[in-house]
Amino acid sequence: MKATVLAHPNIALVKYWGKRDDALILPHQSSLSLTLSPLSVTTTVEFGVPTDAVELNGHVAKGSERERVLRLLESVRAQAGDKSLGPAKVVSRGDFPMAAGLASSAAGFAALAVAGRAAAGLPRDTKAESILARLGSGSACRSVQGGFCEWQRGERPDGDDSFAVQRFDAAHWPELRMVVAILDRGEKDVKSRDGMRQAVETSPYYAAWVKDAEAEVPRAREHIARRDLQALGELCERNAWRMHSTSLAAEPPLCYLNAATVGLIHQLREHRKKGVPVWFTLDAGPNPVLLTDAANEVAAEALARACGALDVIRCVPGGDATLKTEHLF
């Protein structure tokens, strides 16, 4: 009736941007991500307590934040076929800045899905865990497993074929590095879920984005299979620019970049001219994630700091969500 799981966040190399079904969180196109270590979220779930309780990073969850967690646990009860599991207590803690440009909800809901199923006595099943995590946060389905994971769009209206599969594990490309450049710790004016909806509904470029992003996934798989850093880096930058172009064309326009973001991106180009292999990807926020290799991660960090980074986090390919023996309560 009690289980604890550690899961890592992920960064999309081919972006997820827009839902075709808001309730089931079904995407318009497939996406592909890299799980990041050592960053992690640890979550403990226990059923059979006196009353429902949710604590996230030291504070009591309220409103929609609490409801998203409890709604996912209702799905766990349905999967277990046991409505008598009783109320649940959830405690979740992350070890990285929430405003780092990394989706903490991805690691959090992946950990919750795996821990919830384990606490309910269900066996490990990565497909079931990925679908469950998706119901909490779309990108969470890609954090159930490590390495490079592909969230398949799927076709079924019930979402049963929309889940993430591991294409390459964390050991496939040990020299790969992702350097998170935190340029701004402030809250976004427009949250990702609202920005997605606005882009889907109003951007004249959205249909072209969906077609292009879907086509980029198999290309990305090929580059990763060959461990071709330059080809993957160029694809990541192209995909990020096109996602942000879609948002800039929305009504009203959505601009997640700031001056420091643009300045750092321009400096990357100059460094590549000097032979430093470093590229960027960028989610819905101002903090780029730099793609490079182990031999150049120090140079990538120095560049980020020279461009005004408030903090820099170095990451390597991360592993699967794992059950832990020590609980948070």
C-alpha atoms as a PDB file:
ATOM      1  CA  MET A   1       0.000   0.000   0.000  1.00  0.00           C
ATOM      2  CA  LYS A   2       3.083   2.267  -0.012  1.00  0.00           C
ATOM      3  CA  ALA A   3       5.769   2.847  -2.644  1.00  0.00           C
ATOM      4  CA  THR A   4       8.457   5.408  -3.499  1.00  0.00           C
ATOM      5  CA  VAL A   5       9.867   6.127  -6.953  1.00  0.00           C
ATOM      6  CA  LEU A   6      12.631   8.353  -8.316  1.00  0.00           C
ATOM      7  CA  ALA A   7      12.220   9.681 -11.867  1.00  0.00           C
ATOM      8  CA  HIS A   8      14.220  12.086 -14.020  1.00  0.00           C
ATOM      9  CA  PRO A   9      12.961  15.005 -16.127  1.00  0.00           C
ATOM     10  CA  ASN A  10      13.404  15.002 -19.880  1.00  0.00           C
ATOM     11  CA  ILE A  11      14.079  17.569 -22.561  1.00  0.00           C
ATOM     12  CA  ALA A  12      12.328  17.202 -25.912  1.00  0.00           C
ATOM     13  CA  LEU A  13      14.672  17.186 -28.885  1.00  0.00           C
ATOM     14  CA  VAL A  14      11.657  17.058 -31.213  1.00  0.00           C
ATOM     15  CA  LYS A  15       9.008  19.088 -29.401  1.00  0.00           C
ATOM     16  CA  TYR A  16       5.504  18.298 -28.203  1.00  0.00           C
ATOM     17  CA  TRP A  17       3.416  21.413 -28.783  1.00  0.00           C
ATOM     18  CA  GLY A  18      -0.348  21.125 -28.875  1.00  0.00           C
ATOM     19  CA  LYS A  19      -3.099  18.702 -27.881  1.00  0.00           C
ATOM     20  CA  ARG A  20      -5.827  17.204 -30.022  1.00  0.00           C
ATOM     21  CA  ASP A  21      -7.637  16.087 -26.845  1.00  0.00           C
ATOM     22  CA  ASP A  22      -7.248  18.181 -23.690  1.00  0.00           C
ATOM     23  CA  ALA A  23      -8.866  15.693 -21.320  1.00  0.00           C
ATOM     24  CA  LEU A  24      -6.746  12.687 -22.328  1.00  0.00           C
ATOM     25  CA  ILE A  25      -3.694  14.846 -23.214  1.00  0.00           C
ATOM     26  CA  LEU A  26      -3.292  13.408 -26.702  1.00  0.00           C
ATOM     27  CA  PRO A  27      -0.760  15.236 -28.904  1.00  0.00           C
ATOM     28  CA  HIS A  28      -1.151  16.397 -32.467  1.00  0.00           C
ATOM     29  CA  GLN A  29       2.227  14.888 -33.363  1.00  0.00           C
ATOM     30  CA  SER A  30       4.867  12.527 -32.013  1.00  0.00           C
ATOM     31  CA  SER A  31       7.895  13.808 -30.085  1.00  0.00           C
ATOM     32  CA  LEU A  32      11.283  12.530 -28.956  1.00  0.00           C
ATOM     33  CA  SER A  33      13.201  13.375 -25.794  1.00  0.00           C
ATOM     34  CA  LEU A  34      16.319  12.702 -23.749  1.00  0.00           C
ATOM     35  CA  THR A  35      15.968  11.817 -20.062  1.00  0.00           C
ATOM     36  CA  LEU A  36      18.297  13.902 -17.892  1.00  0.00           C
ATOM     37  CA  SER A  37      20.436  12.884 -14.925  1.00  0.00           C
ATOM     38  CA  PRO A  38      21.295  13.630 -12.150  1.00  0.00           C
ATOM     39  CA  LEU A  39      18.157  15.799 -11.828  1.00  0.00           C
ATOM     40  CA  SER A  40      15.269  13.921 -10.254  1.00  0.00           C
ATOM     41  CA  VAL A  41      11.930  13.984  -8.473  1.00  0.00           C
ATOM     42  CA  THR A  42      11.166  11.465  -5.713  1.00  0.00           C
ATOM     43  CA  THR A  43       7.548  10.636  -4.874  1.00  0.00           C
ATOM     44  CA  THR A  44       5.995   8.470  -2.157  1.00  0.00           C
ATOM     45  CA  VAL A  45       2.400   7.240  -2.421  1.00  0.00           C
ATOM     46  CA  GLU A  46       0.473   5.451   0.317  1.00  0.00           C
ATOM     47  CA  PHE A  47      -3.126   4.229   0.072  1.00  0.00           C
ATOM     48  CA  GLY A  48      -5.370   3.494   3.020  1.00  0.00           C
ATOM     49  CA  VAL A  49      -4.689   6.673   5.020  1.00  0.00           C
ATOM     50  CA  PRO A  50      -7.474   8.581   6.846  1.00  0.00           C
ATOM     51  CA  THR A  51      -7.834  11.332   4.233  1.00  0.00           C
ATOM     52  CA  ASP A  52      -6.344  12.466   0.925  1.00  0.00           C
ATOM     53  CA  ALA A  53      -3.220  14.617   1.348  1.00  0.00           C
ATOM     54  CA  VAL A  54      -0.824  15.978  -1.291  1.00  0.00           C
ATOM     55  CA  GLU A  55       2.476  17.721  -0.510  1.00  0.00           C
ATOM     56  CA  LEU A  56       4.673  19.019  -3.336  1.00  0.00           C
ATOM     57  CA  ASN A  57       8.140  20.393  -2.609  1.00  0.00           C
ATOM     58  CA  GLY A  58       7.289  21.189   0.982  1.00  0.00           C
ATOM     59  CA  HIS A  59       3.927  22.859   0.494  1.00  0.00           C
ATOM     60  CA  VAL A  60       0.375  21.539   0.664  1.00  0.00           C
ATOM     61  CA  ALA A  61      -1.037  21.285  -2.852  1.00  0.00           C
ATOM     62  CA  LYS A  62      -4.336  23.069  -3.465  1.00  0.00           C
ATOM     63  CA  GLY A  63      -6.731  23.704  -6.313  1.00  0.00           C
ATOM     64  CA  SER A  64      -5.935  22.315  -9.753  1.00  0.00           C
ATOM     65  CA  GLU A  65      -2.465  21.207  -8.602  1.00  0.00           C
ATOM     66  CA  ARG A  66      -4.018  18.887  -6.019  1.00  0.00           C
ATOM     67  CA  GLU A  67      -6.793  17.767  -8.341  1.00  0.00           C
ATOM     68  CA  ARG A  68      -4.365  16.637 -11.071  1.00  0.00           C
ATOM     69  CA  VAL A  69      -2.603  14.344  -8.579  1.00  0.00           C
ATOM     70  CA  LEU A  70      -5.791  12.885  -7.116  1.00  0.00           C
ATOM     71  CA  ARG A  71      -7.326  12.410 -10.562  1.00  0.00           C
ATOM     72  CA  LEU A  72      -4.339  10.323 -11.631  1.00  0.00           C
ATOM     73  CA  LEU A  73      -4.697   8.166  -8.512  1.00  0.00           C
ATOM     74  CA  GLU A  74      -8.346   7.588  -9.408  1.00  0.00           C
ATOM     75  CA  SER A  75      -7.057   6.070 -12.652  1.00  0.00           C
ATOM     76  CA  VAL A  76      -4.740   3.858 -10.580  1.00  0.00           C
ATOM     77  CA  ARG A  77      -7.723   2.607  -8.602  1.00  0.00           C
ATOM     78  CA  ALA A  78      -9.553   1.854 -11.858  1.00  0.00           C
ATOM     79  CA  GLN A  79      -6.550  -0.077 -13.207  1.00  0.00           C
ATOM     80  CA  ALA A  80      -6.316  -2.027  -9.965  1.00  0.00           C
ATOM     81  CA  GLY A  81     -10.041  -2.771 -10.071  1.00  0.00           C
ATOM     82  CA  ASP A  82     -10.127  -1.914  -6.395  1.00  0.00           C
ATOM     83  CA  LYS A  83     -12.120   1.102  -5.249  1.00  0.00           C
ATOM     84  CA  SER A  84     -11.450   0.096  -1.636  1.00  0.00           C
ATOM     85  CA  LEU A  85      -7.825   1.225  -1.680  1.00  0.00           C
ATOM     86  CA  GLY A  86      -8.980   4.226   0.309  1.00  0.00           C
ATOM     87  CA  PRO A  87      -7.640   7.783   0.454  1.00  0.00           C
ATOM     88  CA  ALA A  88      -4.024   8.427  -0.523  1.00  0.00           C
ATOM     89  CA  LYS A  89      -1.147  10.453   0.830  1.00  0.00           C
ATOM     90  CA  VAL A  90       1.381  11.791  -1.671  1.00  0.00           C
ATOM     91  CA  VAL A  91       4.663  13.528  -0.903  1.00  0.00           C
ATOM     92  CA  SER A  92       6.878  14.626  -3.798  1.00  0.00           C
ATOM     93  CA  ARG A  93      10.214  16.454  -3.786  1.00  0.00           C
ATOM     94  CA  GLY A  94      12.448  17.619  -6.634  1.00  0.00           C
ATOM     95  CA  ASP A  95      16.145  18.416  -6.443  1.00  0.00           C
ATOM     96  CA  PHE A  96      16.362  21.034  -9.199  1.00  0.00           C
ATOM     97  CA  PRO A  97      15.016  24.581  -9.670  1.00  0.00           C
ATOM     98  CA  MET A  98      11.385  24.619 -10.737  1.00  0.00           C
ATOM     99  CA  ALA A  99      12.062  27.586 -13.030  1.00  0.00           C
ATOM    100  CA  ALA A 100      15.017  25.963 -14.768  1.00  0.00           C
ATOM    101  CA  GLY A 101      13.246  25.461 -18.078  1.00  0.00           C
ATOM    102  CA  LEU A 102      12.984  21.742 -17.337  1.00  0.00           C
ATOM    103  CA  ALA A 103       9.505  20.305 -16.910  1.00  0.00           C
ATOM    104  CA  SER A 104       9.460  19.245 -13.280  1.00  0.00           C
ATOM    105  CA  SER A 105       5.923  17.980 -13.867  1.00  0.00           C
ATOM    106  CA  ALA A 106       7.322  15.376 -16.286  1.00  0.00           C
ATOM    107  CA  ALA A 107       9.484  13.779 -13.609  1.00  0.00           C
ATOM    108  CA  GLY A 108       6.829  14.317 -10.943  1.00  0.00           C
ATOM    109  CA  PHE A 109       3.961  12.638 -12.758  1.00  0.00           C
ATOM    110  CA  ALA A 110       6.176   9.825 -14.038  1.00  0.00           C
ATOM    111  CA  ALA A 111       7.235   9.125 -10.444  1.00  0.00           C
ATOM    112  CA  LEU A 112       3.604   9.396  -9.294  1.00  0.00           C
ATOM    113  CA  ALA A 113       2.350   6.986 -11.953  1.00  0.00           C
ATOM    114  CA  VAL A 114       4.960   4.331 -11.193  1.00  0.00           C
ATOM    115  CA  ALA A 115       4.662   4.741  -7.409  1.00  0.00           C
ATOM    116  CA  GLY A 116       0.861   4.804  -7.504  1.00  0.00           C
ATOM    117  CA  ARG A 117       0.658   1.548  -9.442  1.00  0.00           C
ATOM    118  CA  ALA A 118       3.228  -0.093  -7.179  1.00  0.00           C
ATOM    119  CA  ALA A 119       1.410   1.040  -4.032  1.00  0.00           C
ATOM    120  CA  ALA A 120      -1.798  -0.445  -5.457  1.00  0.00           C
ATOM    121  CA  GLY A 121      -0.057  -3.791  -5.936  1.00  0.00           C
ATOM    122  CA  LEU A 122       0.158  -3.596  -9.736  1.00  0.00           C
ATOM    123  CA  PRO A 123       3.236  -5.012 -11.532  1.00  0.00           C
ATOM    124  CA  ARG A 124       5.728  -2.904 -13.490  1.00  0.00           C
ATOM    125  CA  ASP A 125       4.418  -2.244 -16.996  1.00  0.00           C
ATOM    126  CA  THR A 126       6.098   0.603 -18.866  1.00  0.00           C
ATOM    127  CA  LYS A 127       3.267   1.046 -21.357  1.00  0.00           C
ATOM    128  CA  ALA A 128       0.604   1.275 -18.644  1.00  0.00           C
ATOM    129  CA  GLU A 129       2.831   3.575 -16.571  1.00  0.00           C
ATOM    130  CA  SER A 130       3.515   5.835 -19.552  1.00  0.00           C
ATOM    131  CA  ILE A 131      -0.190   6.155 -20.410  1.00  0.00           C
ATOM    132  CA  LEU A 132      -0.986   6.882 -16.767  1.00  0.00           C
ATOM    133  CA  ALA A 133       1.776   9.498 -16.483  1.00  0.00           C
ATOM    134  CA  ARG A 134       0.493  11.153 -19.677  1.00  0.00           C
ATOM    135  CA  LEU A 135      -2.855  11.778 -17.978  1.00  0.00           C
ATOM    136  CA  GLY A 136      -1.071  13.980 -15.446  1.00  0.00           C
ATOM    137  CA  SER A 137       1.306  15.790 -17.811  1.00  0.00           C
ATOM    138  CA  GLY A 138       1.911  14.993 -21.461  1.00  0.00           C
ATOM    139  CA  SER A 139       5.701  15.038 -21.335  1.00  0.00           C
ATOM    140  CA  ALA A 140       5.648  12.811 -18.219  1.00  0.00           C
ATOM    141  CA  CYS A 141       5.013   9.777 -20.416  1.00  0.00           C
ATOM    142  CA  ARG A 142       8.584  10.196 -21.702  1.00  0.00           C
ATOM    143  CA  SER A 143      10.140  10.089 -18.197  1.00  0.00           C
ATOM    144  CA  VAL A 144       9.040   6.575 -17.244  1.00  0.00           C
ATOM    145  CA  GLN A 145      12.078   5.199 -19.091  1.00  0.00           C
ATOM    146  CA  GLY A 146      15.564   6.562 -19.503  1.00  0.00           C
ATOM    147  CA  GLY A 147      17.676   7.472 -22.483  1.00  0.00           C
ATOM    148  CA  PHE A 148      15.895   8.549 -25.669  1.00  0.00           C
ATOM    149  CA  CYS A 149      12.132   8.066 -25.569  1.00  0.00           C
ATOM    150  CA  GLU A 150       9.603   8.616 -28.339  1.00  0.00           C
ATOM    151  CA  TRP A 151       6.050   9.629 -27.490  1.00  0.00           C
ATOM    152  CA  GLN A 152       4.004   8.048 -30.247  1.00  0.00           C
ATOM    153  CA  ARG A 153       1.094  10.191 -31.332  1.00  0.00           C
ATOM    154  CA  GLY A 154      -1.294   7.287 -31.728  1.00  0.00           C
ATOM    155  CA  GLU A 155      -4.590   7.204 -33.571  1.00  0.00           C
ATOM    156  CA  ARG A 156      -7.128   5.775 -31.131  1.00  0.00           C
ATOM    157  CA  PRO A 157      -9.603   8.240 -29.594  1.00  0.00           C
ATOM    158  CA  ASP A 158      -9.222   6.561 -26.177  1.00  0.00           C
ATOM    159  CA  GLY A 159      -5.449   7.199 -26.195  1.00  0.00           C
ATOM    160  CA  ASP A 160      -4.472   3.568 -25.662  1.00  0.00           C
ATOM    161  CA  ASP A 161      -1.840   3.777 -28.419  1.00  0.00           C
ATOM    162  CA  SER A 162      -0.418   7.154 -27.336  1.00  0.00           C
ATOM    163  CA  PHE A 163       2.518   6.412 -25.035  1.00  0.00           C
ATOM    164  CA  ALA A 164       6.308   6.638 -24.965  1.00  0.00           C
ATOM    165  CA  VAL A 165       8.699   3.891 -25.993  1.00  0.00           C
ATOM    166  CA  GLN A 166      12.419   3.798 -25.320  1.00  0.00           C
ATOM    167  CA  ARG A 167      14.374   3.952 -28.577  1.00  0.00           C
ATOM    168  CA  PHE A 168      17.871   3.999 -27.039  1.00  0.00           C
ATOM    169  CA  ASP A 169      18.838   3.548 -23.392  1.00  0.00           C
ATOM    170  CA  ALA A 170      21.052   5.885 -21.354  1.00  0.00           C
ATOM    171  CA  ALA A 171      24.188   3.868 -22.135  1.00  0.00           C
ATOM    172  CA  HIS A 172      23.815   4.318 -25.909  1.00  0.00           C
ATOM    173  CA  TRP A 173      25.560   7.713 -26.030  1.00  0.00           C
ATOM    174  CA  PRO A 174      27.519   8.241 -22.788  1.00  0.00           C
ATOM    175  CA  GLU A 175      29.528  11.184 -24.176  1.00  0.00           C
ATOM    176  CA  LEU A 176      26.420  13.277 -24.883  1.00  0.00           C
ATOM    177  CA  ARG A 177      25.886  16.281 -22.609  1.00  0.00           C
ATOM    178  CA  MET A 178      23.045  18.731 -22.042  1.00  0.00           C
ATOM    179  CA  VAL A 179      23.905  22.018 -20.327  1.00  0.00           C
ATOM    180  CA  VAL A 180      20.934  23.934 -18.914  1.00  0.00           C
ATOM    181  CA  ALA A 181      21.462  27.697 -19.026  1.00  0.00           C
ATOM    182  CA  ILE A 182      19.166  29.432 -16.525  1.00  0.00           C
ATOM    183  CA  LEU A 183      18.892  32.994 -17.785  1.00  0.00           C
ATOM    184  CA  ASP A 184      15.634  33.896 -16.054  1.00  0.00           C
ATOM    185  CA  ARG A 185      14.054  32.337 -12.942  1.00  0.00           C
ATOM    186  CA  GLY A 186      10.784  34.213 -13.290  1.00  0.00           C
ATOM    187  CA  GLU A 187       7.377  32.642 -13.906  1.00  0.00           C
ATOM    188  CA  LYS A 188       6.169  32.564 -17.503  1.00  0.00           C
ATOM    189  CA  ASP A 189       3.389  35.004 -18.357  1.00  0.00           C
ATOM    190  CA  VAL A 190       1.661  32.288 -20.392  1.00  0.00           C
ATOM    191  CA  LYS A 191       1.911  28.701 -19.149  1.00  0.00           C
ATOM    192  CA  SER A 192       2.749  25.987 -21.655  1.00  0.00           C
ATOM    193  CA  ARG A 193      -0.722  24.408 -21.651  1.00  0.00           C
ATOM    194  CA  ASP A 194      -2.299  27.798 -22.420  1.00  0.00           C
ATOM    195  CA  GLY A 195       0.348  28.625 -25.015  1.00  0.00           C
ATOM    196  CA  MET A 196      -0.263  25.318 -26.777  1.00  0.00           C
ATOM    197  CA  ARG A 197      -3.985  25.949 -26.928  1.00  0.00           C
ATOM    198  CA  GLN A 198      -3.456  29.454 -28.269  1.00  0.00           C
ATOM    199  CA  ALA A 199      -1.076  28.201 -30.980  1.00  0.00           C
ATOM    200  CA  VAL A 200      -3.399  25.358 -32.005  1.00  0.00           C
ATOM    201  CA  GLU A 201      -6.413  27.633 -32.235  1.00  0.00           C
ATOM    202  CA  THR A 202      -4.939  30.766 -33.800  1.00  0.00           C
ATOM    203  CA  SER A 203      -1.556  30.195 -35.471  1.00  0.00           C
ATOM    204  CA  PRO A 204      -1.784  29.953 -39.285  1.00  0.00           C
ATOM    205  CA  TYR A 205       1.463  27.950 -39.186  1.00  0.00           C
ATOM    206  CA  TYR A 206       0.187  25.233 -36.869  1.00  0.00           C
ATOM    207  CA  ALA A 207      -0.772  22.606 -39.476  1.00  0.00           C
ATOM    208  CA  ALA A 208       2.638  22.963 -41.120  1.00  0.00           C
ATOM    209  CA  TRP A 209       4.317  22.607 -37.711  1.00  0.00           C
ATOM    210  CA  VAL A 210       2.524  19.314 -37.040  1.00  0.00           C
ATOM    211  CA  LYS A 211       3.504  17.844 -40.404  1.00  0.00           C
ATOM    212  CA  ASP A 212       7.116  18.984 -40.109  1.00  0.00           C
ATOM    213  CA  ALA A 213       7.610  17.858 -36.484  1.00  0.00           C
ATOM    214  CA  GLU A 214       6.206  14.392 -37.187  1.00  0.00           C
ATOM    215  CA  ALA A 215       8.688  13.997 -40.047  1.00  0.00           C
ATOM    216  CA  GLU A 216      11.597  15.049 -37.821  1.00  0.00           C
ATOM    217  CA  VAL A 217      11.147  12.146 -35.371  1.00  0.00           C
ATOM    218  CA  PRO A 218      12.510   9.365 -37.622  1.00  0.00           C
ATOM    219  CA  ARG A 219      15.339  11.669 -38.715  1.00  0.00           C
ATOM    220  CA  ALA A 220      16.250  12.269 -35.087  1.00  0.00           C
ATOM    221  CA  ARG A 221      16.246   8.521 -34.439  1.00  0.00           C
ATOM    222  CA  GLU A 222      18.710   8.026 -37.295  1.00  0.00           C
ATOM    223  CA  HIS A 223      21.070  10.724 -35.993  1.00  0.00           C
ATOM    224  CA  ILE A 224      20.962   9.268 -32.474  1.00  0.00           C
ATOM    225  CA  ALA A 225      21.595   5.751 -33.774  1.00  0.00           C
ATOM    226  CA  ARG A 226      24.767   7.039 -35.477  1.00  0.00           C
ATOM    227  CA  ARG A 227      25.652   9.283 -32.503  1.00  0.00           C
ATOM    228  CA  ASP A 228      25.915  12.135 -34.983  1.00  0.00           C
ATOM    229  CA  LEU A 229      26.113  15.212 -32.760  1.00  0.00           C
ATOM    230  CA  GLN A 230      26.174  17.807 -35.542  1.00  0.00           C
ATOM    231  CA  ALA A 231      23.162  16.364 -37.374  1.00  0.00           C
ATOM    232  CA  LEU A 232      21.177  16.017 -34.144  1.00  0.00           C
ATOM    233  CA  GLY A 233      22.154  19.500 -32.990  1.00  0.00           C
ATOM    234  CA  GLU A 234      21.061  21.073 -36.277  1.00  0.00           C
ATOM    235  CA  LEU A 235      17.754  19.199 -36.120  1.00  0.00           C
ATOM    236  CA  CYS A 236      17.150  20.282 -32.497  1.00  0.00           C
ATOM    237  CA  GLU A 237      17.728  23.932 -33.341  1.00  0.00           C
ATOM    238  CA  ARG A 238      15.539  23.751 -36.443  1.00  0.00           C
ATOM    239  CA  ASN A 239      12.690  22.107 -34.519  1.00  0.00           C
ATOM    240  CA  ALA A 240      12.913  24.596 -31.639  1.00  0.00           C
ATOM    241  CA  TRP A 241      12.881  27.597 -33.984  1.00  0.00           C
ATOM    242  CA  ARG A 242       9.832  26.235 -35.800  1.00  0.00           C
ATOM    243  CA  MET A 243       7.939  25.617 -32.564  1.00  0.00           C
ATOM    244  CA  HIS A 244       8.618  29.178 -31.437  1.00  0.00           C
ATOM    245  CA  SER A 245       7.725  30.529 -34.882  1.00  0.00           C
ATOM    246  CA  THR A 246       4.355  28.825 -34.572  1.00  0.00           C
ATOM    247  CA  SER A 247       3.825  30.578 -31.244  1.00  0.00           C
ATOM    248  CA  LEU A 248       4.992  33.965 -32.521  1.00  0.00           C
ATOM    249  CA  ALA A 249       2.347  33.703 -35.249  1.00  0.00           C
ATOM    250  CA  ALA A 250      -0.453  33.062 -32.731  1.00  0.00           C
ATOM    251  CA  GLU A 251      -3.041  35.697 -31.843  1.00  0.00           C
ATOM    252  CA  PRO A 252      -1.957  37.438 -29.694  1.00  0.00           C
ATOM    253  CA  PRO A 253       1.705  36.576 -30.399  1.00  0.00           C
ATOM    254  CA  LEU A 254       3.520  34.386 -27.883  1.00  0.00           C
ATOM    255  CA  CYS A 255       7.194  35.193 -27.349  1.00  0.00           C
ATOM    256  CA  TYR A 256       8.972  33.066 -24.748  1.00  0.00           C
ATOM    257  CA  LEU A 257      12.458  34.342 -25.608  1.00  0.00           C
ATOM    258  CA  ASN A 258      14.157  37.309 -23.980  1.00  0.00           C
ATOM    259  CA  ALA A 259      17.207  39.357 -24.965  1.00  0.00           C
ATOM    260  CA  ALA A 260      19.607  37.057 -23.112  1.00  0.00           C
ATOM    261  CA  THR A 261      18.131  34.015 -24.865  1.00  0.00           C
ATOM    262  CA  VAL A 262      18.732  35.536 -28.291  1.00  0.00           C
ATOM    263  CA  GLY A 263      22.194  36.713 -27.296  1.00  0.00           C
ATOM    264  CA  LEU A 264      23.265  33.240 -26.188  1.00  0.00           C
ATOM    265  CA  ILE A 265      21.871  31.643 -29.351  1.00  0.00           C
ATOM    266  CA  HIS A 266      23.851  34.053 -31.510  1.00  0.00           C
ATOM    267  CA  GLN A 267      27.023  33.269 -29.552  1.00  0.00           C
ATOM    268  CA  LEU A 268      26.521  29.549 -30.201  1.00  0.00           C
ATOM    269  CA  ARG A 269      26.840  30.232 -33.915  1.00  0.00           C
ATOM    270  CA  GLU A 270      30.092  32.110 -33.365  1.00  0.00           C
ATOM    271  CA  HIS A 271      31.499  29.300 -31.240  1.00  0.00           C
ATOM    272  CA  ARG A 272      30.629  26.709 -33.888  1.00  0.00           C
ATOM    273  CA  LYS A 273      32.626  28.752 -36.397  1.00  0.00           C
ATOM    274  CA  LYS A 274      35.574  28.303 -34.016  1.00  0.00           C
ATOM    275  CA  GLY A 275      35.081  24.544 -33.940  1.00  0.00           C
ATOM    276  CA  VAL A 276      33.121  24.170 -30.675  1.00  0.00           C
ATOM    277  CA  PRO A 277      30.285  21.646 -31.239  1.00  0.00           C
ATOM    278  CA  VAL A 278      27.395  23.174 -29.303  1.00  0.00           C
ATOM    279  CA  TRP A 279      23.743  23.621 -30.291  1.00  0.00           C
ATOM    280  CA  PHE A 280      20.558  24.573 -28.434  1.00  0.00           C
ATOM    281  CA  THR A 281      17.042  23.410 -27.865  1.00  0.00           C
ATOM    282  CA  LEU A 282      14.404  25.571 -26.181  1.00  0.00           C
ATOM    283  CA  ASP A 283      11.043  24.755 -24.655  1.00  0.00           C
ATOM    284  CA  ALA A 284       8.328  27.309 -23.864  1.00  0.00           C
ATOM    285  CA  GLY A 285      10.552  29.582 -21.805  1.00  0.00           C
ATOM    286  CA  PRO A 286      13.684  31.733 -21.972  1.00  0.00           C
ATOM    287  CA  ASN A 287      16.227  29.149 -20.763  1.00  0.00           C
ATOM    288  CA  PRO A 288      18.071  27.272 -23.533  1.00  0.00           C
ATOM    289  CA  VAL A 289      19.471  23.781 -23.082  1.00  0.00           C
ATOM    290  CA  LEU A 290      22.797  23.361 -24.845  1.00  0.00           C
ATOM    291  CA  LEU A 291      23.613  20.134 -26.655  1.00  0.00           C
ATOM    292  CA  THR A 292      27.305  19.189 -26.743  1.00  0.00           C
ATOM    293  CA  ASP A 293      29.718  16.411 -25.782  1.00  0.00           C
ATOM    294  CA  ALA A 294      31.818  15.601 -22.728  1.00  0.00           C
ATOM    295  CA  ALA A 295      34.951  17.167 -24.223  1.00  0.00           C
ATOM    296  CA  ASN A 296      33.192  20.528 -24.675  1.00  0.00           C
ATOM    297  CA  GLU A 297      30.766  20.807 -21.741  1.00  0.00           C
ATOM    298  CA  VAL A 298      33.146  23.102 -19.810  1.00  0.00           C
ATOM    299  CA  ALA A 299      33.288  25.431 -22.810  1.00  0.00           C
ATOM    300  CA  ALA A 300      29.479  25.311 -23.116  1.00  0.00           C
ATOM    301  CA  GLU A 301      29.099  26.229 -19.442  1.00  0.00           C
ATOM    302  CA  ALA A 302      31.586  29.085 -19.762  1.00  0.00           C
ATOM    303  CA  LEU A 303      29.699  30.418 -22.776  1.00  0.00           C
ATOM    304  CA  ALA A 304      26.378  30.288 -20.916  1.00  0.00           C
ATOM    305  CA  ARG A 305      27.826  32.159 -17.945  1.00  0.00           C
ATOM    306  CA  ALA A 306      29.453  34.751 -20.204  1.00  0.00           C
ATOM    307  CA  CYS A 307      26.010  35.378 -21.721  1.00  0.00           C
ATOM    308  CA  GLY A 308      24.442  36.075 -18.338  1.00  0.00           C
ATOM    309  CA  ALA A 309      23.349  32.679 -17.035  1.00  0.00           C
ATOM    310  CA  LEU A 310      22.301  32.914 -13.375  1.00  0.00           C
ATOM    311  CA  ASP A 311      23.021  29.233 -12.984  1.00  0.00           C
ATOM    312  CA  VAL A 312      24.159  26.341 -15.146  1.00  0.00           C
ATOM    313  CA  ILE A 313      23.253  22.680 -14.707  1.00  0.00           C
ATOM    314  CA  ARG A 314      25.254  19.978 -16.465  1.00  0.00           C
ATOM    315  CA  CYS A 315      23.318  16.837 -17.381  1.00  0.00           C
ATOM    316  CA  VAL A 316      24.048  13.372 -18.781  1.00  0.00           C
ATOM    317  CA  PRO A 317      21.612  10.802 -20.202  1.00  0.00           C
ATOM    318  CA  GLY A 318      19.403   9.562 -17.359  1.00  0.00           C
ATOM    319  CA  GLY A 319      17.961   6.172 -16.534  1.00  0.00           C
ATOM    320  CA  ASP A 320      14.542   4.637 -15.894  1.00  0.00           C
ATOM    321  CA  ALA A 321      12.127   5.589 -13.125  1.00  0.00           C
ATOM    322  CA  THR A 322      13.094   3.308 -10.230  1.00  0.00           C
ATOM    323  CA  LEU A 323      11.469   2.018  -7.067  1.00  0.00           C
ATOM    324  CA  LYS A 324      13.290   3.022  -3.866  1.00  0.00           C
ATOM    325  CA  THR A 325      13.318   1.349  -0.457  1.00  0.00           C
ATOM    326  CA  GLU A 326      13.488   4.596   1.542  1.00  0.00           C
ATOM    327  CA  HIS A 327      10.209   6.535   1.741  1.00  0.00           C
ATOM    328  CA  LEU A 328       9.629  10.282   2.173  1.00  0.00           C
ATOM    329  CA  PHE A 329       7.278   9.650   5.133  1.00  0.00           C
END
